[in-house]
Amino acid sequence: MIRVALPFHLRNLAHVGTEVEIDVEGPVTQRSVLDALEAKYPMLRGTIRDHVTQQRRPFLRFFACQEDLSLESPDVPLPEAVASAAEPYLIIGAIAGG
């Protein structure tokens, strides 16, 4: 089981609380977590990653264990604390403006 914390707008879209729990088969990577999240909550497809390129949407950031993973390869294994559900995988809405 993996814990995923979602930003307010995605929680509202999926009708869930602050965190969701998902099961991930195989290696725990950003790609496998997002694939499992979109499979469990199909209304989130295309909101976190582009439908075609699977690239992260510009105003979302990914964090785990106090590290920004937004620019990391989606196939790099996530920290053990995330894989063991000790820490959540965070999807954060980025803030823009000046």
C-alpha atoms as a PDB file:
ATOM      1  CA  MET A   1       0.000   0.000   0.000  1.00  0.00           C
ATOM      2  CA  ILE A   2       1.177   3.514  -0.878  1.00  0.00           C
ATOM      3  CA  ARG A   3      -0.153   6.719   0.666  1.00  0.00           C
ATOM      4  CA  VAL A   4      -0.660   9.620  -1.751  1.00  0.00           C
ATOM      5  CA  ALA A   5      -1.477  13.164  -0.610  1.00  0.00           C
ATOM      6  CA  LEU A   6      -3.395  15.186  -3.187  1.00  0.00           C
ATOM      7  CA  PRO A   7      -3.855  18.950  -3.576  1.00  0.00           C
ATOM      8  CA  PHE A   8      -7.263  20.478  -2.882  1.00  0.00           C
ATOM      9  CA  HIS A   9      -8.482  20.644  -6.490  1.00  0.00           C
ATOM     10  CA  LEU A  10      -7.637  16.992  -7.201  1.00  0.00           C
ATOM     11  CA  ARG A  11      -9.217  15.848  -3.919  1.00  0.00           C
ATOM     12  CA  ASN A  12     -12.426  17.603  -4.929  1.00  0.00           C
ATOM     13  CA  LEU A  13     -12.356  16.073  -8.402  1.00  0.00           C
ATOM     14  CA  ALA A  14     -11.833  12.557  -7.010  1.00  0.00           C
ATOM     15  CA  HIS A  15     -14.192  13.090  -4.023  1.00  0.00           C
ATOM     16  CA  VAL A  16     -11.570  11.922  -1.514  1.00  0.00           C
ATOM     17  CA  GLY A  17      -9.879  13.210   1.621  1.00  0.00           C
ATOM     18  CA  THR A  18      -6.373  14.595   1.971  1.00  0.00           C
ATOM     19  CA  GLU A  19      -4.712  11.197   1.453  1.00  0.00           C
ATOM     20  CA  VAL A  20      -5.622   8.151  -0.567  1.00  0.00           C
ATOM     21  CA  GLU A  21      -4.209   4.643  -0.292  1.00  0.00           C
ATOM     22  CA  ILE A  22      -3.382   2.660  -3.402  1.00  0.00           C
ATOM     23  CA  ASP A  23      -1.825  -0.708  -4.125  1.00  0.00           C
ATOM     24  CA  VAL A  24       1.163  -0.740  -6.455  1.00  0.00           C
ATOM     25  CA  GLU A  25       2.410  -3.933  -8.051  1.00  0.00           C
ATOM     26  CA  GLY A  26       6.064  -4.259  -8.924  1.00  0.00           C
ATOM     27  CA  PRO A  27       8.697  -1.584  -8.280  1.00  0.00           C
ATOM     28  CA  VAL A  28       7.420   1.535  -6.518  1.00  0.00           C
ATOM     29  CA  THR A  29       8.252   4.367  -8.896  1.00  0.00           C
ATOM     30  CA  GLN A  30       6.553   7.645  -9.693  1.00  0.00           C
ATOM     31  CA  ARG A  31       5.191   6.059 -12.872  1.00  0.00           C
ATOM     32  CA  SER A  32       3.765   3.000 -11.092  1.00  0.00           C
ATOM     33  CA  VAL A  33       2.224   5.144  -8.337  1.00  0.00           C
ATOM     34  CA  LEU A  34       0.599   7.523 -10.835  1.00  0.00           C
ATOM     35  CA  ASP A  35      -0.574   4.612 -13.000  1.00  0.00           C
ATOM     36  CA  ALA A  36      -2.221   2.985  -9.964  1.00  0.00           C
ATOM     37  CA  LEU A  37      -3.699   6.305  -8.826  1.00  0.00           C
ATOM     38  CA  GLU A  38      -5.246   6.943 -12.260  1.00  0.00           C
ATOM     39  CA  ALA A  39      -6.540   3.367 -12.435  1.00  0.00           C
ATOM     40  CA  LYS A  40      -8.288   3.695  -9.059  1.00  0.00           C
ATOM     41  CA  TYR A  41      -9.502   7.247  -9.734  1.00  0.00           C
ATOM     42  CA  PRO A  42     -10.065   7.508 -13.512  1.00  0.00           C
ATOM     43  CA  MET A  43     -11.355  11.077 -13.171  1.00  0.00           C
ATOM     44  CA  LEU A  44      -7.743  12.109 -12.437  1.00  0.00           C
ATOM     45  CA  ARG A  45      -6.442  10.904 -15.820  1.00  0.00           C
ATOM     46  CA  GLY A  46      -4.959  13.832 -17.672  1.00  0.00           C
ATOM     47  CA  THR A  47      -4.980  16.114 -14.626  1.00  0.00           C
ATOM     48  CA  ILE A  48      -1.602  15.066 -13.221  1.00  0.00           C
ATOM     49  CA  ARG A  49       0.115  13.966 -16.436  1.00  0.00           C
ATOM     50  CA  ASP A  50      -0.514  14.778 -20.073  1.00  0.00           C
ATOM     51  CA  HIS A  51      -2.634  12.091 -21.791  1.00  0.00           C
ATOM     52  CA  VAL A  52      -0.194  11.617 -24.678  1.00  0.00           C
ATOM     53  CA  THR A  53       3.302  12.400 -23.389  1.00  0.00           C
ATOM     54  CA  GLN A  54       2.736  11.296 -19.765  1.00  0.00           C
ATOM     55  CA  GLN A  55       4.746  14.373 -18.696  1.00  0.00           C
ATOM     56  CA  ARG A  56       3.931  16.076 -15.402  1.00  0.00           C
ATOM     57  CA  ARG A  57       1.509  18.993 -15.713  1.00  0.00           C
ATOM     58  CA  PRO A  58       3.350  22.345 -15.317  1.00  0.00           C
ATOM     59  CA  PHE A  59       1.676  23.484 -12.080  1.00  0.00           C
ATOM     60  CA  LEU A  60       2.115  20.249 -10.157  1.00  0.00           C
ATOM     61  CA  ARG A  61       5.168  19.128  -8.190  1.00  0.00           C
ATOM     62  CA  PHE A  62       6.019  15.717  -6.725  1.00  0.00           C
ATOM     63  CA  PHE A  63       7.679  15.290  -3.322  1.00  0.00           C
ATOM     64  CA  ALA A  64       8.739  12.354  -1.142  1.00  0.00           C
ATOM     65  CA  CYS A  65      10.680  12.410   2.115  1.00  0.00           C
ATOM     66  CA  GLN A  66      11.171  16.191   1.907  1.00  0.00           C
ATOM     67  CA  GLU A  67      12.759  15.954  -1.555  1.00  0.00           C
ATOM     68  CA  ASP A  68      11.458  17.461  -4.779  1.00  0.00           C
ATOM     69  CA  LEU A  69      11.171  14.600  -7.287  1.00  0.00           C
ATOM     70  CA  SER A  70       9.415  16.631  -9.984  1.00  0.00           C
ATOM     71  CA  LEU A  71      12.357  16.563 -12.401  1.00  0.00           C
ATOM     72  CA  GLU A  72      13.480  13.007 -11.618  1.00  0.00           C
ATOM     73  CA  SER A  73      12.948  10.165 -14.059  1.00  0.00           C
ATOM     74  CA  PRO A  74       9.508   8.608 -13.500  1.00  0.00           C
ATOM     75  CA  ASP A  75      11.127   5.154 -13.393  1.00  0.00           C
ATOM     76  CA  VAL A  76      13.545   5.781 -10.515  1.00  0.00           C
ATOM     77  CA  PRO A  77      12.466   3.859  -7.393  1.00  0.00           C
ATOM     78  CA  LEU A  78      10.839   5.976  -4.698  1.00  0.00           C
ATOM     79  CA  PRO A  79      12.370   6.055  -1.184  1.00  0.00           C
ATOM     80  CA  GLU A  80      11.729   3.030   1.018  1.00  0.00           C
ATOM     81  CA  ALA A  81       9.736   5.188   3.445  1.00  0.00           C
ATOM     82  CA  VAL A  82       7.183   5.813   0.668  1.00  0.00           C
ATOM     83  CA  ALA A  83       7.194   2.183  -0.487  1.00  0.00           C
ATOM     84  CA  SER A  84       6.498   1.034   3.093  1.00  0.00           C
ATOM     85  CA  ALA A  85       3.771   3.690   3.600  1.00  0.00           C
ATOM     86  CA  ALA A  86       5.722   5.310   6.444  1.00  0.00           C
ATOM     87  CA  GLU A  87       5.725   8.545   4.422  1.00  0.00           C
ATOM     88  CA  PRO A  88       3.230   9.746   1.789  1.00  0.00           C
ATOM     89  CA  TYR A  89       3.996  10.550  -1.834  1.00  0.00           C
ATOM     90  CA  LEU A  90       2.987  14.186  -2.170  1.00  0.00           C
ATOM     91  CA  ILE A  91       1.435  15.798  -5.218  1.00  0.00           C
ATOM     92  CA  ILE A  92       1.514  19.537  -4.632  1.00  0.00           C
ATOM     93  CA  GLY A  93      -0.068  22.345  -6.608  1.00  0.00           C
ATOM     94  CA  ALA A  94       2.706  24.783  -7.552  1.00  0.00           C
ATOM     95  CA  ILE A  95       2.227  28.505  -6.947  1.00  0.00           C
ATOM     96  CA  ALA A  96       2.989  30.970  -9.725  1.00  0.00           C
ATOM     97  CA  GLY A  97       2.932  34.708  -9.856  1.00  0.00           C
ATOM     98  CA  GLY A  98       4.813  37.586  -8.475  1.00  0.00           C
END
